[in-house]
């Protein structure tokens, strides 16, 4: 009976160590995921900044924005007409 009890204790200790190992691995993965989420949120904030979007719209897409003199809330957006491509 004593041998069975000792074997049971050893088995339970092994299971506890295995469970703790899995827990700490999952905890490390959670920390890494939260850090990655934070980096992605910073990148999203940077990429969607209004000044950056306006700069890209003006420089790469050649878009212009004119404010109406009558009402400061009214905006007119001019998008250049794309060049027609020659038929092959």
PDB file of N, CA and C in Angstrom:
ATOM      1  N   UNK A   1       0.821  -1.188   0.000  1.00  0.00           N
ATOM      2  CA  UNK A   1       0.000   0.000   0.000  1.00  0.00           C
ATOM      3  C   UNK A   1       0.874   1.265   0.000  1.00  0.00           C
ATOM      4  N   UNK A   2       1.986   1.197   0.742  1.00  0.00           N
ATOM      5  CA  UNK A   2       2.901   2.320   0.816  1.00  0.00           C
ATOM      6  C   UNK A   2       3.498   2.606  -0.563  1.00  0.00           C
ATOM      7  N   UNK A   3       3.858   1.561  -1.310  1.00  0.00           N
ATOM      8  CA  UNK A   3       4.425   1.728  -2.656  1.00  0.00           C
ATOM      9  C   UNK A   3       3.425   2.380  -3.596  1.00  0.00           C
ATOM     10  N   UNK A   4       2.174   1.987  -3.533  1.00  0.00           N
ATOM     11  CA  UNK A   4       1.148   2.583  -4.385  1.00  0.00           C
ATOM     12  C   UNK A   4       0.963   4.065  -4.053  1.00  0.00           C
ATOM     13  N   UNK A   5       1.024   4.392  -2.796  1.00  0.00           N
ATOM     14  CA  UNK A   5       0.888   5.788  -2.389  1.00  0.00           C
ATOM     15  C   UNK A   5       2.061   6.612  -2.899  1.00  0.00           C
ATOM     16  N   UNK A   6       3.275   6.087  -2.775  1.00  0.00           N
ATOM     17  CA  UNK A   6       4.459   6.790  -3.262  1.00  0.00           C
ATOM     18  C   UNK A   6       4.408   6.982  -4.777  1.00  0.00           C
ATOM     19  N   UNK A   7       4.002   5.929  -5.493  1.00  0.00           N
ATOM     20  CA  UNK A   7       3.879   6.043  -6.955  1.00  0.00           C
ATOM     21  C   UNK A   7       2.817   7.075  -7.342  1.00  0.00           C
ATOM     22  N   UNK A   8       1.726   7.117  -6.598  1.00  0.00           N
ATOM     23  CA  UNK A   8       0.659   8.085  -6.874  1.00  0.00           C
ATOM     24  C   UNK A   8       1.172   9.512  -6.628  1.00  0.00           C
ATOM     25  N   UNK A   9       1.948   9.699  -5.557  1.00  0.00           N
ATOM     26  CA  UNK A   9       2.499  11.024  -5.252  1.00  0.00           C
ATOM     27  C   UNK A   9       3.447  11.466  -6.365  1.00  0.00           C
ATOM     28  N   UNK A  10       4.297  10.563  -6.821  1.00  0.00           N
ATOM     29  CA  UNK A  10       5.235  10.878  -7.903  1.00  0.00           C
ATOM     30  C   UNK A  10       4.479  11.260  -9.178  1.00  0.00           C
ATOM     31  N   UNK A  11       3.441  10.502  -9.478  1.00  0.00           N
ATOM     32  CA  UNK A  11       2.663  10.789 -10.684  1.00  0.00           C
ATOM     33  C   UNK A  11       1.974  12.153 -10.577  1.00  0.00           C
ATOM     34  N   UNK A  12       1.417  12.473  -9.437  1.00  0.00           N
ATOM     35  CA  UNK A  12       0.748  13.760  -9.251  1.00  0.00           C
ATOM     36  C   UNK A  12       1.758  14.902  -9.364  1.00  0.00           C
ATOM     37  N   UNK A  13       2.949  14.733  -8.769  1.00  0.00           N
ATOM     38  CA  UNK A  13       3.982  15.759  -8.880  1.00  0.00           C
ATOM     39  C   UNK A  13       4.388  15.974 -10.337  1.00  0.00           C
ATOM     40  N   UNK A  14       4.494  14.904 -11.091  1.00  0.00           N
ATOM     41  CA  UNK A  14       4.824  15.010 -12.513  1.00  0.00           C
ATOM     42  C   UNK A  14       3.736  15.774 -13.266  1.00  0.00           C
ATOM     43  N   UNK A  15       2.492  15.459 -12.970  1.00  0.00           N
ATOM     44  CA  UNK A  15       1.380  16.156 -13.627  1.00  0.00           C
ATOM     45  C   UNK A  15       1.364  17.638 -13.264  1.00  0.00           C
ATOM     46  N   UNK A  16       1.677  17.948 -12.006  1.00  0.00           N
ATOM     47  CA  UNK A  16       1.721  19.348 -11.582  1.00  0.00           C
ATOM     48  C   UNK A  16       2.816  20.090 -12.328  1.00  0.00           C
ATOM     49  N   UNK A  17       4.010  19.496 -12.442  1.00  0.00           N
ATOM     50  CA  UNK A  17       5.107  20.140 -13.174  1.00  0.00           C
ATOM     51  C   UNK A  17       4.743  20.355 -14.636  1.00  0.00           C
ATOM     52  N   UNK A  18       4.125  19.350 -15.226  1.00  0.00           N
ATOM     53  CA  UNK A  18       3.719  19.449 -16.633  1.00  0.00           C
ATOM     54  C   UNK A  18       2.681  20.571 -16.805  1.00  0.00           C
ATOM     55  N   UNK A  19       1.729  20.654 -15.900  1.00  0.00           N
ATOM     56  CA  UNK A  19       0.697  21.687 -15.973  1.00  0.00           C
ATOM     57  C   UNK A  19       1.298  23.077 -15.771  1.00  0.00           C
ATOM     58  N   UNK A  20       2.223  23.202 -14.816  1.00  0.00           N
ATOM     59  CA  UNK A  20       2.885  24.488 -14.602  1.00  0.00           C
ATOM     60  C   UNK A  20       3.682  24.911 -15.821  1.00  0.00           C
ATOM     61  N   UNK A  21       4.362  23.980 -16.467  1.00  0.00           N
ATOM     62  CA  UNK A  21       5.135  24.287 -17.673  1.00  0.00           C
ATOM     63  C   UNK A  21       4.218  24.803 -18.777  1.00  0.00           C
ATOM     64  N   UNK A  22       3.105  24.128 -18.984  1.00  0.00           N
ATOM     65  CA  UNK A  22       2.153  24.585 -20.005  1.00  0.00           C
ATOM     66  C   UNK A  22       1.578  25.946 -19.665  1.00  0.00           C
ATOM     67  N   UNK A  23       1.319  26.183 -18.381  1.00  0.00           N
ATOM     68  CA  UNK A  23       0.785  27.474 -17.950  1.00  0.00           C
ATOM     69  C   UNK A  23       1.772  28.593 -18.245  1.00  0.00           C
ATOM     70  N   UNK A  24       3.041  28.404 -17.886  1.00  0.00           N
ATOM     71  CA  UNK A  24       4.027  29.456 -18.113  1.00  0.00           C
ATOM     72  C   UNK A  24       4.306  29.677 -19.596  1.00  0.00           C
ATOM     73  N   UNK A  25       4.240  28.633 -20.402  1.00  0.00           N
ATOM     74  CA  UNK A  25       4.377  28.817 -21.852  1.00  0.00           C
ATOM     75  C   UNK A  25       3.210  29.627 -22.407  1.00  0.00           C
ATOM     76  N   UNK A  26       2.005  29.310 -21.929  1.00  0.00           N
ATOM     77  CA  UNK A  26       0.830  30.066 -22.379  1.00  0.00           C
ATOM     78  C   UNK A  26       0.915  31.514 -21.904  1.00  0.00           C
ATOM     79  N   UNK A  27       1.433  31.734 -20.717  1.00  0.00           N
ATOM     80  CA  UNK A  27       1.589  33.088 -20.196  1.00  0.00           C
ATOM     81  C   UNK A  27       2.585  33.886 -21.036  1.00  0.00           C
ATOM     82  N   UNK A  28       3.679  33.256 -21.440  1.00  0.00           N
ATOM     83  CA  UNK A  28       4.657  33.922 -22.302  1.00  0.00           C
ATOM     84  C   UNK A  28       4.045  34.270 -23.656  1.00  0.00           C
ATOM     85  N   UNK A  29       3.258  33.356 -24.217  1.00  0.00           N
ATOM     86  CA  UNK A  29       2.596  33.626 -25.498  1.00  0.00           C
ATOM     87  C   UNK A  29       1.618  34.789 -25.364  1.00  0.00           C
ATOM     88  N   UNK A  30       0.914  34.859 -24.238  1.00  0.00           N
ATOM     89  CA  UNK A  30      -0.024  35.952 -23.999  1.00  0.00           C
ATOM     90  C   UNK A  30       0.708  37.290 -23.939  1.00  0.00           C
ATOM     91  N   UNK A  31       1.832  37.307 -23.244  1.00  0.00           N
ATOM     92  CA  UNK A  31       2.620  38.543 -23.137  1.00  0.00           C
ATOM     93  C   UNK A  31       3.117  38.976 -24.516  1.00  0.00           C
ATOM     94  N   UNK A  32       3.615  38.018 -25.306  1.00  0.00           N
ATOM     95  CA  UNK A  32       4.087  38.340 -26.655  1.00  0.00           C
ATOM     96  C   UNK A  32       2.945  38.867 -27.519  1.00  0.00           C
ATOM     97  N   UNK A  33       1.772  38.248 -27.397  1.00  0.00           N
ATOM     98  CA  UNK A  33       0.620  38.685 -28.193  1.00  0.00           C
ATOM     99  C   UNK A  33       0.196  40.098 -27.805  1.00  0.00           C
ATOM    100  N   UNK A  34       0.229  40.419 -26.511  1.00  0.00           N
ATOM    101  CA  UNK A  34      -0.138  41.767 -26.072  1.00  0.00           C
ATOM    102  C   UNK A  34       0.876  42.791 -26.562  1.00  0.00           C
ATOM    103  N   UNK A  35       2.154  42.440 -26.550  1.00  0.00           N
ATOM    104  CA  UNK A  35       3.176  43.354 -27.065  1.00  0.00           C
ATOM    105  C   UNK A  35       2.992  43.586 -28.557  1.00  0.00           C
ATOM    106  N   UNK A  36       2.710  42.530 -29.300  1.00  0.00           N
ATOM    107  CA  UNK A  36       2.474  42.657 -30.742  1.00  0.00           C
ATOM    108  C   UNK A  36       1.234  43.510 -31.008  1.00  0.00           C
ATOM    109  N   UNK A  37       0.176  43.314 -30.218  1.00  0.00           N
ATOM    110  CA  UNK A  37      -1.040  44.104 -30.369  1.00  0.00           C
ATOM    111  C   UNK A  37      -0.730  45.587 -30.142  1.00  0.00           C
ATOM    112  N   UNK A  38       0.078  45.885 -29.121  1.00  0.00           N
ATOM    113  CA  UNK A  38       0.462  47.263 -28.854  1.00  0.00           C
ATOM    114  C   UNK A  38       1.227  47.872 -30.013  1.00  0.00           C
ATOM    115  N   UNK A  39       2.177  47.105 -30.582  1.00  0.00           N
ATOM    116  CA  UNK A  39       2.928  47.593 -31.738  1.00  0.00           C
ATOM    117  C   UNK A  39       2.013  47.835 -32.931  1.00  0.00           C
ATOM    118  N   UNK A  40       1.069  46.927 -33.148  1.00  0.00           N
ATOM    119  CA  UNK A  40       0.140  47.087 -34.268  1.00  0.00           C
ATOM    120  C   UNK A  40      -0.768  48.298 -34.081  1.00  0.00           C
ATOM    121  N   UNK A  41      -1.194  48.566 -32.858  1.00  0.00           N
ATOM    122  CA  UNK A  41      -2.029  49.742 -32.604  1.00  0.00           C
ATOM    123  C   UNK A  41      -1.243  51.025 -32.853  1.00  0.00           C
ATOM    124  N   UNK A  42       0.034  51.047 -32.453  1.00  0.00           N
ATOM    125  CA  UNK A  42       0.869  52.211 -32.741  1.00  0.00           C
ATOM    126  C   UNK A  42       1.047  52.409 -34.237  1.00  0.00           C
ATOM    127  N   UNK A  43       1.274  51.309 -34.949  1.00  0.00           N
ATOM    128  CA  UNK A  43       1.437  51.396 -36.405  1.00  0.00           C
ATOM    129  C   UNK A  43       0.151  51.865 -37.065  1.00  0.00           C
ATOM    130  N   UNK A  44      -0.993  51.360 -36.598  1.00  0.00           N
ATOM    131  CA  UNK A  44      -2.280  51.776 -37.154  1.00  0.00           C
ATOM    132  C   UNK A  44      -2.495  53.268 -36.926  1.00  0.00           C
ATOM    133  N   UNK A  45      -2.176  53.730 -35.719  1.00  0.00           N
ATOM    134  CA  UNK A  45      -2.328  55.149 -35.413  1.00  0.00           C
ATOM    135  C   UNK A  45      -1.443  55.992 -36.319  1.00  0.00           C
ATOM    136  N   UNK A  46      -0.214  55.540 -36.516  1.00  0.00           N
ATOM    137  CA  UNK A  46       0.710  56.273 -37.387  1.00  0.00           C
ATOM    138  C   UNK A  46       0.217  56.291 -38.834  1.00  0.00           C
ATOM    139  N   UNK A  47      -0.211  55.117 -39.331  1.00  0.00           N
ATOM    140  CA  UNK A  47      -0.616  55.029 -40.731  1.00  0.00           C
ATOM    141  C   UNK A  47      -1.922  55.756 -41.018  1.00  0.00           C
ATOM    142  N   UNK A  48      -2.767  55.906 -40.023  1.00  0.00           N
ATOM    143  CA  UNK A  48      -4.053  56.555 -40.262  1.00  0.00           C
ATOM    144  C   UNK A  48      -4.087  58.002 -39.765  1.00  0.00           C
ATOM    145  N   UNK A  49      -2.934  58.568 -39.489  1.00  0.00           N
ATOM    146  CA  UNK A  49      -2.875  59.971 -39.053  1.00  0.00           C
ATOM    147  C   UNK A  49      -3.380  60.875 -40.181  1.00  0.00           C
ATOM    148  N   UNK A  50      -4.248  61.818 -39.867  1.00  0.00           N
ATOM    149  CA  UNK A  50      -4.817  62.683 -40.909  1.00  0.00           C
ATOM    150  C   UNK A  50      -3.765  63.426 -41.735  1.00  0.00           C
ATOM    151  N   UNK A  51      -2.707  63.902 -41.102  1.00  0.00           N
ATOM    152  CA  UNK A  51      -1.676  64.634 -41.845  1.00  0.00           C
ATOM    153  C   UNK A  51      -0.981  63.719 -42.852  1.00  0.00           C
ATOM    154  N   UNK A  52      -0.734  62.474 -42.461  1.00  0.00           N
ATOM    155  CA  UNK A  52      -0.080  61.518 -43.361  1.00  0.00           C
ATOM    156  C   UNK A  52      -0.997  61.189 -44.538  1.00  0.00           C
ATOM    157  N   UNK A  53      -2.263  60.971 -44.269  1.00  0.00           N
ATOM    158  CA  UNK A  53      -3.219  60.651 -45.334  1.00  0.00           C
ATOM    159  C   UNK A  53      -3.337  61.821 -46.302  1.00  0.00           C
ATOM    160  N   UNK A  54      -3.397  63.039 -45.760  1.00  0.00           N
ATOM    161  CA  UNK A  54      -3.484  64.219 -46.628  1.00  0.00           C
ATOM    162  C   UNK A  54      -2.228  64.360 -47.484  1.00  0.00           C
ATOM    163  N   UNK A  55      -1.067  64.106 -46.893  1.00  0.00           N
ATOM    164  CA  UNK A  55       0.188  64.197 -47.647  1.00  0.00           C
ATOM    165  C   UNK A  55       0.209  63.172 -48.792  1.00  0.00           C
ATOM    166  N   UNK A  56      -0.193  61.942 -48.522  1.00  0.00           N
ATOM    167  CA  UNK A  56      -0.210  60.907 -49.566  1.00  0.00           C
ATOM    168  C   UNK A  56      -1.228  61.265 -50.645  1.00  0.00           C
ATOM    169  N   UNK A  57      -2.398  61.736 -50.229  1.00  0.00           N
ATOM    170  CA  UNK A  57      -3.420  62.114 -51.206  1.00  0.00           C
ATOM    171  C   UNK A  57      -2.919  63.226 -52.119  1.00  0.00           C
ATOM    172  N   UNK A  58      -2.200  64.169 -51.557  1.00  0.00           N
ATOM    173  CA  UNK A  58      -1.710  65.289 -52.359  1.00  0.00           C
ATOM    174  C   UNK A  58      -0.509  64.890 -53.217  1.00  0.00           C
ATOM    175  N   UNK A  59       0.467  64.195 -52.637  1.00  0.00           N
ATOM    176  CA  UNK A  59       1.706  63.921 -53.366  1.00  0.00           C
ATOM    177  C   UNK A  59       1.591  62.743 -54.327  1.00  0.00           C
ATOM    178  N   UNK A  60       0.985  61.653 -53.918  1.00  0.00           N
ATOM    179  CA  UNK A  60       0.940  60.471 -54.788  1.00  0.00           C
ATOM    180  C   UNK A  60      -0.291  60.424 -55.671  1.00  0.00           C
ATOM    181  N   UNK A  61      -1.423  60.869 -55.131  1.00  0.00           N
ATOM    182  CA  UNK A  61      -2.673  60.779 -55.896  1.00  0.00           C
ATOM    183  C   UNK A  61      -3.047  62.095 -56.578  1.00  0.00           C
ATOM    184  N   UNK A  62      -2.261  63.150 -56.318  1.00  0.00           N
ATOM    185  CA  UNK A  62      -2.490  64.470 -56.926  1.00  0.00           C
ATOM    186  C   UNK A  62      -3.881  65.005 -56.619  1.00  0.00           C
ATOM    187  N   UNK A  63      -4.371  64.738 -55.419  1.00  0.00           N
ATOM    188  CA  UNK A  63      -5.682  65.226 -55.014  1.00  0.00           C
ATOM    189  C   UNK A  63      -5.504  66.599 -54.375  1.00  0.00           C
ATOM    190  N   UNK A  64      -6.486  67.475 -54.574  1.00  0.00           N
ATOM    191  CA  UNK A  64      -6.447  68.795 -53.957  1.00  0.00           C
ATOM    192  C   UNK A  64      -7.731  69.007 -53.188  1.00  0.00           C
ATOM    193  N   UNK A  65      -7.654  69.859 -52.192  1.00  0.00           N
ATOM    194  CA  UNK A  65      -8.798  70.135 -51.331  1.00  0.00           C
ATOM    195  C   UNK A  65      -8.977  71.635 -51.246  1.00  0.00           C
ATOM    196  N   UNK A  66     -10.151  72.119 -51.627  1.00  0.00           N
ATOM    197  CA  UNK A  66     -10.444  73.549 -51.560  1.00  0.00           C
ATOM    198  C   UNK A  66     -11.538  73.760 -50.533  1.00  0.00           C
ATOM    199  N   UNK A  67     -11.310  74.699 -49.628  1.00  0.00           N
ATOM    200  CA  UNK A  67     -12.314  75.033 -48.621  1.00  0.00           C
ATOM    201  C   UNK A  67     -13.212  76.126 -49.183  1.00  0.00           C
ATOM    202  N   UNK A  68     -14.501  76.000 -48.998  1.00  0.00           N
ATOM    203  CA  UNK A  68     -15.451  77.016 -49.449  1.00  0.00           C
ATOM    204  C   UNK A  68     -15.344  78.240 -48.549  1.00  0.00           C
ATOM    205  N   UNK A  69     -15.427  79.424 -49.146  1.00  0.00           N
ATOM    206  CA  UNK A  69     -15.335  80.660 -48.378  1.00  0.00           C
ATOM    207  C   UNK A  69     -16.624  80.923 -47.601  1.00  0.00           C
ATOM    208  N   UNK A  70     -17.752  80.400 -48.108  1.00  0.00           N
ATOM    209  CA  UNK A  70     -19.049  80.656 -47.476  1.00  0.00           C
ATOM    210  C   UNK A  70     -19.203  79.884 -46.165  1.00  0.00           C
ATOM    211  N   UNK A  71     -18.889  78.629 -46.222  1.00  0.00           N
ATOM    212  CA  UNK A  71     -19.114  77.760 -45.066  1.00  0.00           C
ATOM    213  C   UNK A  71     -17.826  76.975 -44.813  1.00  0.00           C
ATOM    214  N   UNK A  72     -17.239  77.152 -43.671  1.00  0.00           N
ATOM    215  CA  UNK A  72     -15.979  76.488 -43.355  1.00  0.00           C
ATOM    216  C   UNK A  72     -16.085  74.978 -43.293  1.00  0.00           C
ATOM    217  N   UNK A  73     -17.302  74.423 -43.219  1.00  0.00           N
ATOM    218  CA  UNK A  73     -17.484  72.975 -43.122  1.00  0.00           C
ATOM    219  C   UNK A  73     -17.605  72.303 -44.486  1.00  0.00           C
ATOM    220  N   UNK A  74     -17.817  73.084 -45.527  1.00  0.00           N
ATOM    221  CA  UNK A  74     -17.996  72.533 -46.863  1.00  0.00           C
ATOM    222  C   UNK A  74     -16.643  72.373 -47.534  1.00  0.00           C
ATOM    223  N   UNK A  75     -16.367  71.212 -48.070  1.00  0.00           N
ATOM    224  CA  UNK A  75     -15.100  70.941 -48.729  1.00  0.00           C
ATOM    225  C   UNK A  75     -15.368  70.373 -50.116  1.00  0.00           C
ATOM    226  N   UNK A  76     -14.535  70.759 -51.068  1.00  0.00           N
ATOM    227  CA  UNK A  76     -14.614  70.227 -52.420  1.00  0.00           C
ATOM    228  C   UNK A  76     -13.324  69.492 -52.693  1.00  0.00           C
ATOM    229  N   UNK A  77     -13.438  68.264 -53.092  1.00  0.00           N
ATOM    230  CA  UNK A  77     -12.271  67.429 -53.343  1.00  0.00           C
ATOM    231  C   UNK A  77     -12.142  67.220 -54.841  1.00  0.00           C
ATOM    232  N   UNK A  78     -10.983  67.553 -55.390  1.00  0.00           N
ATOM    233  CA  UNK A  78     -10.735  67.391 -56.818  1.00  0.00           C
ATOM    234  C   UNK A  78      -9.791  66.206 -57.019  1.00  0.00           C
ATOM    235  N   UNK A  79     -10.231  65.254 -57.814  1.00  0.00           N
ATOM    236  CA  UNK A  79      -9.429  64.075 -58.141  1.00  0.00           C
ATOM    237  C   UNK A  79      -9.092  64.157 -59.613  1.00  0.00           C
ATOM    238  N   UNK A  80      -7.809  64.075 -59.952  1.00  0.00           N
ATOM    239  CA  UNK A  80      -7.445  64.190 -61.369  1.00  0.00           C
ATOM    240  C   UNK A  80      -7.974  63.007 -62.170  1.00  0.00           C
ATOM    241  N   UNK A  81      -8.295  63.289 -63.419  1.00  0.00           N
ATOM    242  CA  UNK A  81      -8.794  62.240 -64.320  1.00  0.00           C
ATOM    243  C   UNK A  81      -7.619  61.344 -64.718  1.00  0.00           C
ATOM    244  N   UNK A  82      -7.805  60.009 -64.630  1.00  0.00           N
ATOM    245  CA  UNK A  82      -6.683  59.130 -65.001  1.00  0.00           C
ATOM    246  C   UNK A  82      -6.399  59.214 -66.496  1.00  0.00           C
ATOM    247  N   UNK A  83      -5.128  59.050 -66.829  1.00  0.00           N
ATOM    248  CA  UNK A  83      -4.729  59.072 -68.243  1.00  0.00           C
ATOM    249  C   UNK A  83      -5.258  57.829 -68.931  1.00  0.00           C
ATOM    250  N   UNK A  84      -5.800  58.042 -70.132  1.00  0.00           N
ATOM    251  CA  UNK A  84      -6.303  56.891 -70.892  1.00  0.00           C
ATOM    252  C   UNK A  84      -5.121  56.129 -71.488  1.00  0.00           C
ATOM    253  N   UNK A  85      -5.185  54.822 -71.372  1.00  0.00           N
ATOM    254  CA  UNK A  85      -4.098  53.993 -71.900  1.00  0.00           C
ATOM    255  C   UNK A  85      -4.387  53.657 -73.357  1.00  0.00           C
ATOM    256  N   UNK A  86      -3.306  53.587 -74.125  1.00  0.00           N
ATOM    257  CA  UNK A  86      -3.441  53.266 -75.544  1.00  0.00           C
ATOM    258  C   UNK A  86      -3.823  51.809 -75.708  1.00  0.00           C
ATOM    259  N   UNK A  87      -4.682  51.545 -76.692  1.00  0.00           N
ATOM    260  CA  UNK A  87      -5.102  50.169 -76.990  1.00  0.00           C
ATOM    261  C   UNK A  87      -3.950  49.405 -77.655  1.00  0.00           C
ATOM    262  N   UNK A  88      -3.649  48.176 -77.248  1.00  0.00           N
ATOM    263  CA  UNK A  88      -2.550  47.412 -77.897  1.00  0.00           C
ATOM    264  C   UNK A  88      -2.935  46.888 -79.251  1.00  0.00           C
TER     265      UNK A  88
END
